[in-house]
Protein backbone atom coordinates (compact mmCIF):
# COMPACT_ATOMS: atom_id res chain seq x y z
CA MET A 1 105.19 -61.20 31.89
CA LEU A 2 102.40 -63.76 31.76
CA ALA A 3 103.04 -64.84 28.17
CA GLY A 4 106.79 -64.22 28.05
CA LEU A 5 107.96 -65.87 31.27
CA PRO A 6 107.47 -69.51 30.12
CA TRP A 7 108.99 -68.79 26.70
CA ALA A 8 112.02 -67.10 28.24
CA VAL A 9 113.05 -70.35 29.98
CA ARG A 10 111.45 -72.87 27.59
CA GLY A 11 114.78 -74.66 27.15
CA ARG A 12 114.65 -75.71 30.82
CA LEU A 13 110.96 -76.73 30.83
CA PRO A 14 109.28 -79.99 29.76
CA GLY A 15 107.04 -80.11 26.68
CA ARG A 16 103.95 -79.99 28.89
CA LEU A 17 103.80 -77.96 32.10
CA ALA A 18 102.14 -79.06 35.30
CA THR A 19 99.49 -76.39 35.97
CA HIS A 20 97.22 -77.81 38.67
CA TRP A 21 97.76 -79.46 42.05
CA SER A 22 95.00 -80.76 44.31
CA GLY A 23 97.41 -81.03 47.22
CA PRO A 24 101.08 -81.08 48.13
CA GLY A 25 101.71 -84.25 46.12
CA ALA A 26 101.99 -84.87 42.39
CA PRO A 27 100.19 -82.58 39.92
CA ASP A 28 96.89 -83.67 38.39
CA GLY A 29 96.66 -81.29 35.44
CA SER A 30 98.92 -80.03 32.67
CA MET A 31 99.02 -77.84 29.56
CA PRO A 32 101.29 -77.52 26.54
CA LEU A 33 103.88 -74.79 26.85
CA TRP A 34 102.04 -72.48 24.45
CA ALA A 35 98.72 -72.92 26.30
CA ALA A 36 100.34 -72.30 29.69
CA ALA A 37 101.62 -69.00 28.28
CA VAL A 38 98.48 -67.93 26.43
CA PHE A 39 95.78 -68.91 28.96
CA PRO A 40 96.71 -66.56 31.87
CA ALA A 41 97.50 -63.78 29.40
CA GLY A 42 94.05 -64.27 27.86
CA VAL A 43 92.39 -64.11 31.28
CA TRP A 44 94.21 -60.84 31.97
CA LEU A 45 93.25 -59.35 28.59
CA LEU A 46 89.58 -60.28 29.04
CA THR A 47 89.57 -58.77 32.54
CA GLY A 48 91.15 -55.56 31.28
CA LEU A 49 88.68 -55.42 28.38
CA ALA A 50 85.69 -55.87 30.71
CA VAL A 51 86.94 -53.15 33.05
CA SER A 52 87.66 -50.81 30.15
CA LEU A 53 84.16 -51.28 28.73
CA SER A 54 82.63 -50.55 32.14
CA ARG A 55 84.77 -47.40 32.31
CA LEU A 56 83.24 -46.14 29.06
CA ARG A 57 79.79 -46.36 30.67
CA ALA A 58 80.83 -44.99 34.05
CA ARG A 59 81.35 -41.46 35.20
CA ALA A 60 84.65 -40.16 36.53
CA GLY A 61 83.82 -40.76 40.20
CA ALA A 62 83.63 -44.51 39.65
CA ARG A 63 87.15 -44.91 38.22
CA PRO A 64 88.85 -46.07 41.48
CA TRP A 65 86.80 -49.29 41.20
CA ARG A 66 89.06 -50.39 38.31
CA GLY A 67 92.06 -50.61 40.61
CA ILE A 68 90.16 -52.81 43.08
CA VAL A 69 89.60 -55.33 40.27
CA LEU A 70 92.88 -55.11 38.35
CA ALA A 71 95.42 -54.93 41.18
CA PRO A 72 94.60 -58.26 42.91
CA THR A 73 93.79 -60.00 39.61
CA GLY A 74 97.15 -59.05 38.08
CA THR A 75 99.00 -59.98 41.26
CA ALA A 76 97.33 -63.40 41.46
CA LEU A 77 97.93 -64.20 37.77
CA VAL A 78 101.61 -63.18 37.80
CA GLY A 79 102.22 -65.01 41.08
CA ALA A 80 100.54 -68.18 39.81
CA GLN A 81 102.48 -68.07 36.53
CA ALA A 82 105.77 -67.61 38.35
CA ALA A 83 104.92 -70.51 40.69
CA VAL A 84 104.05 -72.80 37.75
CA VAL A 85 107.29 -72.00 35.94
CA ARG A 86 109.32 -72.51 39.10
CA ALA A 87 107.68 -75.87 39.82
CA ASN A 88 108.43 -77.14 36.28
CA LEU A 89 111.90 -75.65 35.94
CA GLY A 90 114.57 -78.30 35.31
CA ARG A 91 112.02 -81.15 35.07
CA THR A 92 111.97 -83.60 32.18
CA ASP A 93 108.35 -84.62 32.76
CA TRP A 94 105.48 -82.60 34.19
CA HIS A 95 104.57 -85.39 36.64
CA GLU A 96 107.79 -84.60 38.52
CA ALA A 97 106.78 -80.98 39.28
CA ARG A 98 106.00 -80.12 42.89
CA GLN A 99 104.28 -77.01 44.26
CA PRO A 100 105.31 -76.15 47.84
CA ALA A 101 102.59 -74.92 50.20
CA TRP A 102 104.51 -71.72 51.00
CA ALA A 103 104.24 -70.65 47.35
CA VAL A 104 100.44 -70.79 47.50
CA VAL A 105 100.40 -68.94 50.82
CA LEU A 106 102.71 -66.26 49.41
CA ILE A 107 100.51 -65.74 46.34
CA LEU A 108 97.39 -65.40 48.51
CA ALA A 109 99.15 -62.97 50.85
CA LEU A 110 100.37 -60.78 47.97
CA THR A 111 96.93 -60.83 46.35
CA GLY A 112 95.31 -59.81 49.63
CA ALA A 113 97.84 -57.02 50.10
CA ALA A 114 97.21 -55.73 46.57
CA LEU A 115 93.46 -55.75 47.20
CA ALA A 116 93.88 -53.90 50.51
CA VAL A 117 96.09 -51.22 48.98
CA ALA A 118 93.80 -50.76 45.96
CA TRP A 119 90.73 -50.56 48.22
CA ARG A 120 92.43 -48.00 50.46
CA ILE A 121 93.38 -45.82 47.49
CA ALA A 122 89.87 -46.11 46.02
CA VAL A 123 88.24 -45.07 49.30
CA ASN A 124 90.61 -42.11 49.66
CA VAL A 125 89.89 -40.93 46.12
CA ALA A 126 86.14 -41.38 46.52
CA SER A 127 86.15 -39.53 49.84
CA THR A 128 87.30 -36.23 48.36
CA THR A 129 84.90 -33.33 48.90
CA PRO A 130 82.70 -32.61 45.86
CA ALA A 131 83.80 -29.57 43.87
CA THR A 132 80.29 -28.16 43.48
CA ALA A 133 78.54 -26.39 46.34
CA PRO A 134 75.88 -28.54 48.07
CA PRO A 135 72.28 -27.55 47.32
CA GLU A 136 70.29 -25.67 49.96
CA LEU A 137 66.80 -24.25 50.45
CA ASP A 138 65.95 -20.87 51.94
CA LEU A 139 63.80 -21.91 54.91
CA PRO A 140 61.82 -19.30 56.84
CA GLU A 141 62.25 -19.68 60.59
CA ASP A 142 58.54 -20.37 61.23
CA GLU A 143 58.21 -23.16 58.64
CA ARG A 144 58.63 -26.87 59.25
CA LEU A 145 59.11 -28.88 56.09
CA ALA A 146 59.52 -32.59 55.36
CA TRP A 147 60.56 -34.50 52.23
CA PHE A 148 59.56 -38.06 51.37
CA SER A 149 60.62 -40.38 48.55
CA HIS A 150 60.15 -44.07 47.77
CA THR A 151 61.74 -46.49 45.31
CA ALA A 152 61.02 -50.16 44.62
CA ASN A 153 62.68 -52.72 42.36
CA PRO A 154 60.01 -54.98 40.80
CA TRP A 155 62.57 -57.63 39.81
CA LEU A 156 63.78 -58.06 43.39
CA GLN A 157 60.19 -58.07 44.61
CA SER A 158 59.30 -60.79 42.09
CA LEU A 159 62.32 -62.87 43.05
CA SER A 160 61.37 -62.53 46.71
CA ALA A 161 57.80 -63.64 45.97
CA VAL A 162 58.86 -66.65 43.86
CA THR A 163 61.44 -67.92 46.34
CA CYS A 164 58.94 -67.40 49.18
CA LEU A 165 56.44 -69.61 47.32
CA VAL A 166 59.12 -72.26 46.76
CA ALA A 167 60.02 -72.17 50.46
CA ALA A 168 56.35 -72.56 51.39
CA GLY A 169 56.04 -75.45 48.93
CA THR A 170 58.98 -77.26 50.52
CA LEU A 171 57.30 -76.99 53.91
CA VAL A 172 54.20 -78.63 52.48
CA ALA A 173 56.36 -81.33 50.89
CA LEU A 174 58.05 -81.91 54.24
CA GLY A 175 54.68 -82.30 55.89
CA ILE A 176 53.50 -85.02 53.50
CA GLY A 177 56.91 -86.72 53.16
CA LEU A 178 57.25 -86.07 49.43
CA ALA A 179 61.06 -86.18 49.37
CA ARG A 180 64.08 -86.66 51.57
CA PRO A 181 63.98 -84.21 54.53
CA ALA A 182 67.67 -83.30 54.18
CA THR A 183 67.16 -82.11 50.60
CA LEU A 184 63.94 -80.24 51.37
CA TRP A 185 65.41 -78.47 54.39
CA PHE A 186 68.34 -77.31 52.27
CA VAL A 187 65.99 -75.94 49.57
CA PHE A 188 63.84 -74.28 52.24
CA ALA A 189 66.84 -72.63 53.88
CA VAL A 190 68.27 -71.29 50.60
CA CYS A 191 64.93 -70.02 49.29
CA GLY A 192 64.03 -68.54 52.67
CA VAL A 193 67.26 -66.55 52.87
CA ILE A 194 66.87 -65.28 49.29
CA ALA A 195 63.22 -64.34 49.87
CA LEU A 196 64.05 -62.46 53.07
CA ALA A 197 67.07 -60.63 51.64
CA CYS A 198 65.32 -59.64 48.40
CA GLY A 199 62.17 -58.63 50.29
CA VAL A 200 64.06 -56.38 52.69
CA PHE A 201 66.17 -54.71 50.01
CA SER A 202 63.60 -54.55 47.19
CA SER A 203 62.17 -51.21 48.32
CA VAL A 204 63.31 -48.21 50.30
CA ARG A 205 61.70 -45.11 51.79
CA ALA A 206 63.63 -41.94 52.56
CA LYS A 207 62.44 -39.10 54.79
CA VAL A 208 64.09 -35.76 55.59
CA SER A 209 62.63 -33.75 58.46
CA GLU A 210 63.69 -31.77 61.52
CA ALA A 211 64.90 -35.07 62.98
CA GLY A 212 67.32 -35.55 60.05
CA LEU A 213 67.48 -38.34 57.49
CA GLU A 214 65.62 -41.64 57.90
CA VAL A 215 66.05 -44.52 55.43
CA ALA A 216 63.65 -47.45 55.93
CA PHE A 217 63.95 -50.76 54.04
CA GLY A 218 61.35 -53.23 52.85
CA PRO A 219 57.54 -53.23 52.89
CA LEU A 220 57.49 -53.13 56.71
CA GLY A 221 59.87 -50.18 56.93
CA TRP A 222 62.48 -52.17 58.84
CA PRO A 223 65.41 -52.10 59.36
CA VAL A 224 65.90 -48.32 59.56
CA ARG A 225 69.00 -46.15 59.39
CA ARG A 226 68.83 -42.65 60.91
CA TRP A 227 71.10 -39.60 61.02
CA SER A 228 70.37 -36.34 62.82
CA PRO A 229 71.19 -33.11 60.94
CA ALA A 230 74.21 -32.59 63.20
CA ALA A 231 75.52 -36.07 62.36
CA ILE A 232 75.70 -35.29 58.62
CA GLU A 233 78.63 -33.38 57.16
CA SER A 234 77.13 -32.79 53.69
CA ALA A 235 74.36 -33.96 51.37
CA ARG A 236 74.11 -33.91 47.59
CA ALA A 237 72.33 -35.51 44.63
CA GLU A 238 74.30 -37.74 42.28
CA GLN A 239 73.69 -39.96 39.25
CA ARG A 240 74.80 -43.56 39.82
CA ARG A 241 74.42 -46.86 37.98
CA PRO A 242 74.60 -50.46 39.22
CA SER A 243 77.78 -51.03 37.18
CA GLU A 244 79.51 -48.32 39.24
CA VAL A 245 78.69 -49.75 42.67
CA GLY A 246 78.87 -53.49 41.97
CA GLY A 247 75.23 -54.42 41.29
CA TRP A 248 71.78 -54.17 42.85
CA GLY A 249 70.74 -54.02 46.48
CA TYR A 250 72.89 -53.00 49.45
CA ARG A 251 76.34 -52.55 47.91
CA LEU A 252 79.79 -51.67 49.29
CA SER A 253 82.31 -50.22 46.82
CA GLY A 254 84.95 -47.55 46.39
CA LEU A 255 82.12 -45.00 46.38
CA GLY A 256 81.02 -46.07 49.86
CA THR A 257 77.68 -47.69 50.70
CA THR A 258 74.92 -47.52 48.09
CA VAL A 259 71.36 -48.79 48.27
CA MET A 260 70.92 -49.37 44.52
CA LEU A 261 67.39 -50.20 43.38
CA ARG A 262 67.38 -48.37 40.05
CA ALA A 263 69.89 -46.40 38.01
CA GLY A 264 69.74 -42.61 38.19
CA ASP A 265 69.16 -40.09 40.96
CA CYS A 266 70.69 -40.88 44.36
CA LEU A 267 70.67 -38.98 47.63
CA VAL A 268 74.26 -39.06 48.89
CA VAL A 269 75.24 -38.06 52.43
CA ARG A 270 78.61 -37.93 54.17
CA PRO A 271 78.19 -38.81 57.87
CA ARG A 272 80.31 -36.67 60.15
CA GLY A 273 83.61 -38.28 61.06
CA ARG A 274 83.44 -40.77 58.16
CA ARG A 275 85.57 -40.85 54.99
CA SER A 276 82.97 -42.64 52.85
CA ASP A 277 79.45 -41.80 51.69
CA PHE A 278 76.03 -43.38 52.10
CA ALA A 279 73.78 -43.20 49.03
CA VAL A 280 70.22 -44.29 48.35
CA SER A 281 68.57 -44.35 44.92
CA VAL A 282 65.36 -42.33 45.30
CA ASP A 283 63.52 -39.82 43.13
CA ASP A 284 63.80 -36.05 43.65
CA ALA A 285 67.11 -36.54 45.48
CA GLU A 286 68.29 -32.97 44.88
CA ARG A 287 65.34 -31.49 46.78
CA GLY A 288 65.94 -33.90 49.66
CA ALA A 289 69.65 -32.99 49.77
CA ALA A 290 68.83 -29.28 49.68
CA LEU A 291 66.38 -29.57 52.57
CA LEU A 292 68.84 -31.65 54.59
CA ASN A 293 71.62 -29.08 54.08
CA SER A 294 69.26 -26.27 55.07
CA LEU A 295 68.28 -28.11 58.26
CA ARG A 296 71.96 -28.60 59.05
CA ARG A 297 72.60 -24.87 58.58
CA ARG A 298 69.58 -23.95 60.69
CA GLY A 299 70.79 -26.29 63.45
CA ARG A 300 74.25 -24.72 63.48
CA ALA A 301 72.74 -21.25 63.57
CA GLY A 302 70.59 -22.26 66.56
CA ILE A 303 73.65 -23.52 68.41
CA ASP A 304 75.59 -20.32 67.65
């Protein structure tokens, strides 16, 4: 569709097609007919190739992420190509082409709808119950056990330290009037936000005890997320990679929420009443999941 649509009506199009508008007026960019056909098709092929290569490296559970990328991208490209052809249709010169505002709004609405549908399908697929039985430990009634694990990402820690030093340096420069205050305040704000975000999400500590699961972020152990055993539907260990969840740090994807600090073992829990998972990349995740499931079973037995 992307490559064939302009060629199908080339007899009614000018030699060059208007392809860019900065506003509702005359166009300010154009392409030859062949380029207007090849360029969006090339973007689509490169996107499909990138997604296919990531699929080869990903496990089966990450496949719904492909739809979240391809559905809105394909919708936006086809809509934009159709709008370009329509604007140039019947024109003798590309300067005469006009792009109505409703066409842009329609393309954005269809792209948003495609993204919403793809996201919904991905979440539904990812929320299916794992086929394997969750791990458990045989806990004697008189024993109280706890499990601890910690993971840190040295790259995020280094980035936090460097940007923190830059932010501190801008404060010194502000104090001695080394540069314009507007520029220095902007640099300070950007570096301060990066330093804080990377510092908070550069390390994580996980604890499983009688109180449930506790996940603490950063060197100060704050903020903290907690779930009681009764608030967790299931727990399991799973292998995940940054390419499957969208990168490093605190990520939202078709697999749910993942605190990704290093590839490999992750403790994955399904909060009760939720259709998505929470995962944290920590060592010895299987033992933590087994203890958490055993505490859940013990709690249910106590209630019964």
